[in-house]
Amino acid sequence: MSEDHPDWLSEHQLQRLNEMLIVVDEDDKVLGEDTKRNCHLNENIEKGLLHRAFSVVLFNTEKKVLIQTRSDVKLTFPGHFSDSCSSHPLYNPAELEEKDALGVKRAALRRLQAELGIPQEQLSTDDIVFMTRYHYKAKSDQIWGEHEICYLLLVKKNVTIHPDPSEVDSCCYLAQEELEELLEKGDRGEVKVTPWLRIIAERFLYKWWPHLDEVTQFVELHKIHRI
């Protein structure tokens, strides 16, 4: 296969490369659309191509966060420990809606159901809190990478998980100390951790964790953190 048609991807993941993502500028203003494939090619990223994304941190009532290991057939950072769910809103009217970040919440709900298998009746957009945004860039390998303005979303609810193996290799709930230990193992090269999980934990989660019952005090509707 050609370099931009990776041979490790499942048929499901190959099909997803044609999804149309939301292209934005550095202030998160919509510029247009482009394919998931084009948005994740380093050669395009180096020219400034930037797209909208989201990361979800899902806590249970024991105040433990769901951490997943990305499937080995994912495009970027396969086999890495990551946040509960991360993906992209698509370029369609429902997921472009910006009031109260509703479009991104709809996209997150779609992916939480598809990726983690959470039943529809257990979760709605009302359960998803938009916390803040961060802008980061990271190379997965020589060909593929990430360049995103990422909406950080938080959910506090007990849900049933049935992960899709083409998306998720495994899941576990971790307390703060356990997540800190995981990141330390990543520092030592003992496990692989996505760069955005480290950003989320070190920049945001460690500050929020003691205050999960009053987490809305940390909501930043208009700020974009530059990483």
Protein backbone atom coordinates (compact mmCIF):
# COMPACT_ATOMS: atom_id res chain seq x y z
CA MET A 1 0.00 0.00 0.00
CA SER A 2 1.06 3.61 -0.43
CA GLU A 3 2.33 5.49 2.61
CA ASP A 4 -0.93 7.45 2.89
CA HIS A 5 -2.94 4.21 2.70
CA PRO A 6 -1.55 2.37 5.75
CA ASP A 7 -1.56 -1.42 5.60
CA TRP A 8 -2.14 -1.85 9.33
CA LEU A 9 -5.57 -0.22 9.29
CA SER A 10 -8.73 -2.29 9.43
CA GLU A 11 -11.32 -1.85 6.69
CA HIS A 12 -13.42 0.11 9.19
CA GLN A 13 -10.57 2.52 9.89
CA LEU A 14 -9.80 2.90 6.17
CA GLN A 15 -13.39 3.92 5.53
CA ARG A 16 -13.18 6.51 8.30
CA LEU A 17 -10.28 8.21 6.49
CA ASN A 18 -12.90 9.64 4.11
CA GLU A 19 -14.89 11.35 6.86
CA MET A 20 -15.08 15.11 6.36
CA LEU A 21 -13.64 17.00 9.33
CA ILE A 22 -14.03 20.67 10.27
CA VAL A 23 -11.06 22.80 9.24
CA VAL A 24 -10.51 25.81 11.51
CA ASP A 25 -8.07 28.64 12.08
CA GLU A 26 -6.12 29.14 15.32
CA ASP A 27 -9.09 30.96 16.85
CA ASP A 28 -11.34 27.96 16.08
CA LYS A 29 -13.23 29.79 13.32
CA VAL A 30 -14.55 27.42 10.68
CA LEU A 31 -12.71 27.66 7.35
CA GLY A 32 -14.19 24.66 5.57
CA GLU A 33 -13.80 20.89 5.45
CA ASP A 34 -11.28 18.24 4.50
CA THR A 35 -10.90 14.47 4.82
CA LYS A 36 -9.62 12.80 7.94
CA ARG A 37 -6.77 11.45 5.79
CA ASN A 38 -5.65 14.89 4.64
CA CYS A 39 -6.03 16.42 8.09
CA HIS A 40 -3.66 13.84 9.61
CA LEU A 41 -0.87 13.91 7.02
CA ASN A 42 2.21 15.61 8.46
CA GLU A 43 2.95 17.26 5.12
CA ASN A 44 -0.39 19.10 5.36
CA ILE A 45 -0.01 19.82 9.07
CA GLU A 46 3.36 21.46 8.38
CA LYS A 47 1.54 23.78 5.96
CA GLY A 48 -0.84 24.78 8.76
CA LEU A 49 -3.85 22.50 8.24
CA LEU A 50 -5.75 22.51 11.54
CA HIS A 51 -8.98 20.73 12.43
CA ARG A 52 -11.50 20.59 15.27
CA ALA A 53 -11.51 17.62 17.64
CA PHE A 54 -12.64 16.60 21.10
CA SER A 55 -11.44 14.58 24.07
CA VAL A 56 -13.80 13.11 26.67
CA VAL A 57 -12.85 12.31 30.25
CA LEU A 58 -15.50 9.99 31.66
CA PHE A 59 -15.65 9.60 35.44
CA ASN A 60 -17.71 7.08 37.38
CA THR A 61 -19.32 7.83 40.73
CA GLU A 62 -16.18 6.55 42.49
CA LYS A 63 -14.38 9.50 40.85
CA LYS A 64 -12.20 7.25 38.73
CA VAL A 65 -11.55 8.15 35.10
CA LEU A 66 -11.94 5.73 32.22
CA ILE A 67 -8.66 5.20 30.36
CA GLN A 68 -8.50 3.20 27.14
CA THR A 69 -5.76 1.58 25.13
CA ARG A 70 -6.16 2.50 21.49
CA SER A 71 -6.49 -0.38 19.06
CA ASP A 72 -3.42 -1.38 17.06
CA VAL A 73 -5.41 -0.64 13.88
CA LYS A 74 -5.90 3.08 14.64
CA LEU A 75 -4.32 5.63 12.29
CA THR A 76 -2.40 7.67 14.86
CA PHE A 77 -0.82 6.51 18.11
CA PRO A 78 -1.98 2.87 17.82
CA GLY A 79 -1.56 0.82 20.99
CA HIS A 80 -1.21 3.90 23.20
CA PHE A 81 -2.99 4.58 26.49
CA SER A 82 -5.38 7.49 26.00
CA ASP A 83 -8.34 9.39 27.41
CA SER A 84 -11.83 7.89 27.60
CA CYS A 85 -12.75 8.81 24.01
CA SER A 86 -11.28 11.18 21.45
CA SER A 87 -12.41 11.89 17.91
CA HIS A 88 -13.77 14.65 15.66
CA PRO A 89 -17.03 16.45 14.96
CA LEU A 90 -17.93 16.06 11.29
CA TYR A 91 -18.69 18.77 8.77
CA ASN A 92 -22.47 18.55 8.90
CA PRO A 93 -25.10 20.95 10.28
CA ALA A 94 -25.74 19.01 13.49
CA GLU A 95 -22.07 18.81 14.49
CA LEU A 96 -21.16 22.31 13.29
CA GLU A 97 -23.59 23.95 15.73
CA GLU A 98 -21.51 26.12 18.06
CA LYS A 99 -24.03 27.38 20.63
CA ASP A 100 -23.14 25.74 23.96
CA ALA A 101 -20.67 23.56 21.99
CA LEU A 102 -23.70 21.48 21.05
CA GLY A 103 -22.26 20.23 17.77
CA VAL A 104 -19.15 18.89 19.47
CA LYS A 105 -21.26 17.33 22.23
CA ARG A 106 -23.37 15.55 19.60
CA ALA A 107 -20.20 14.25 17.98
CA ALA A 108 -18.89 13.07 21.35
CA LEU A 109 -22.16 11.28 22.09
CA ARG A 110 -22.00 9.59 18.67
CA ARG A 111 -18.47 8.37 19.28
CA LEU A 112 -19.06 7.33 22.90
CA GLN A 113 -21.85 5.10 21.64
CA ALA A 114 -19.93 3.79 18.62
CA GLU A 115 -16.47 3.42 20.19
CA LEU A 116 -17.28 2.43 23.76
CA GLY A 117 -20.68 0.86 23.08
CA ILE A 118 -22.48 2.95 25.72
CA PRO A 119 -26.24 2.31 25.30
CA GLN A 120 -28.23 5.28 23.96
CA GLU A 121 -30.52 5.38 26.98
CA GLN A 122 -27.60 5.80 29.41
CA LEU A 123 -26.12 9.02 28.07
CA SER A 124 -27.27 12.26 26.43
CA THR A 125 -25.69 15.58 25.48
CA ASP A 126 -27.04 16.94 28.78
CA ASP A 127 -24.54 14.70 30.59
CA ILE A 128 -21.58 16.17 28.69
CA VAL A 129 -19.90 19.29 30.11
CA PHE A 130 -17.74 21.46 27.83
CA MET A 131 -14.78 22.48 29.98
CA THR A 132 -12.20 24.22 27.77
CA ARG A 133 -10.23 23.98 24.50
CA TYR A 134 -6.56 23.33 23.79
CA HIS A 135 -4.49 23.64 20.60
CA TYR A 136 -1.69 21.12 20.13
CA LYS A 137 0.40 19.40 17.47
CA ALA A 138 2.01 15.95 17.67
CA LYS A 139 3.65 13.52 15.24
CA SER A 140 2.62 9.88 15.44
CA ASP A 141 5.23 8.78 12.89
CA GLN A 142 6.94 10.23 9.81
CA ILE A 143 3.72 10.27 7.79
CA TRP A 144 0.86 10.79 10.24
CA GLY A 145 0.18 13.24 13.04
CA GLU A 146 -2.31 15.40 14.91
CA HIS A 147 -2.91 19.15 14.71
CA GLU A 148 -6.11 20.01 16.52
CA ILE A 149 -8.10 22.52 18.46
CA CYS A 150 -9.52 20.05 20.89
CA TYR A 151 -12.65 20.54 23.00
CA LEU A 152 -12.17 18.97 26.41
CA LEU A 153 -15.43 17.43 27.60
CA LEU A 154 -16.26 15.87 30.95
CA VAL A 155 -18.86 13.28 31.93
CA LYS A 156 -19.62 12.10 35.47
CA LYS A 157 -21.87 9.06 35.28
CA ASN A 158 -21.87 5.30 35.68
CA VAL A 159 -22.33 3.74 32.25
CA THR A 160 -22.09 0.31 30.63
CA ILE A 161 -19.08 -0.17 28.36
CA HIS A 162 -18.89 -2.56 25.38
CA PRO A 163 -15.83 -1.34 23.43
CA ASP A 164 -15.50 -1.82 19.68
CA PRO A 165 -12.26 -3.83 19.23
CA SER A 166 -11.48 -2.00 16.00
CA GLU A 167 -11.27 1.19 18.09
CA VAL A 168 -10.32 0.13 21.61
CA ASP A 169 -8.04 -2.65 22.81
CA SER A 170 -8.91 -2.38 26.50
CA CYS A 171 -10.38 -0.04 29.14
CA CYS A 172 -9.93 0.51 32.85
CA TYR A 173 -10.95 3.03 35.50
CA LEU A 174 -8.08 4.74 37.31
CA ALA A 175 -7.83 6.88 40.43
CA GLN A 176 -5.61 9.97 40.22
CA GLU A 177 -2.64 8.21 41.81
CA GLU A 178 -2.96 5.34 39.33
CA LEU A 179 -3.04 7.72 36.38
CA GLU A 180 0.04 9.49 37.72
CA GLU A 181 1.79 6.10 37.93
CA LEU A 182 0.79 5.31 34.34
CA LEU A 183 2.26 8.58 33.08
CA GLU A 184 5.44 7.91 35.03
CA LYS A 185 5.70 4.54 33.29
CA GLY A 186 5.30 6.42 30.03
CA ASP A 187 8.19 8.70 31.00
CA ARG A 188 10.35 5.62 31.54
CA GLY A 189 9.32 4.11 28.21
CA GLU A 190 7.55 1.17 29.83
CA VAL A 191 4.20 1.97 28.19
CA LYS A 192 3.05 4.20 25.33
CA VAL A 193 0.86 7.19 26.20
CA THR A 194 -0.80 9.61 23.76
CA PRO A 195 0.51 13.17 24.02
CA TRP A 196 -2.99 14.49 24.57
CA LEU A 197 -3.60 12.22 27.58
CA ARG A 198 -0.53 13.77 29.20
CA ILE A 199 -1.72 17.27 28.29
CA ILE A 200 -5.19 16.62 29.70
CA ALA A 201 -3.89 15.10 32.94
CA GLU A 202 -1.09 17.54 33.71
CA ARG A 203 -2.74 20.75 32.49
CA PHE A 204 -6.30 20.12 33.64
CA LEU A 205 -7.33 16.90 35.40
CA TYR A 206 -4.99 17.07 38.37
CA LYS A 207 -6.43 20.51 39.18
CA TRP A 208 -10.04 19.48 38.66
CA TRP A 209 -9.98 16.07 40.33
CA PRO A 210 -10.42 17.20 43.97
CA HIS A 211 -13.41 19.32 42.90
CA LEU A 212 -15.38 16.99 40.63
CA ASP A 213 -18.61 17.78 42.49
CA GLU A 214 -18.15 21.47 41.65
CA VAL A 215 -16.22 21.11 38.40
CA THR A 216 -18.20 23.78 36.54
CA GLN A 217 -16.12 26.42 38.36
CA PHE A 218 -13.30 25.48 35.96
CA VAL A 219 -15.33 25.92 32.75
CA GLU A 220 -13.61 28.22 30.23
CA LEU A 221 -16.06 28.96 27.45
CA HIS A 222 -13.85 31.23 25.38
CA LYS A 223 -10.26 30.28 26.20
CA ILE A 224 -7.98 28.24 23.94
CA HIS A 225 -4.89 26.88 25.68
CA ARG A 226 -1.83 26.86 23.42
CA ILE A 227 0.26 23.80 24.15
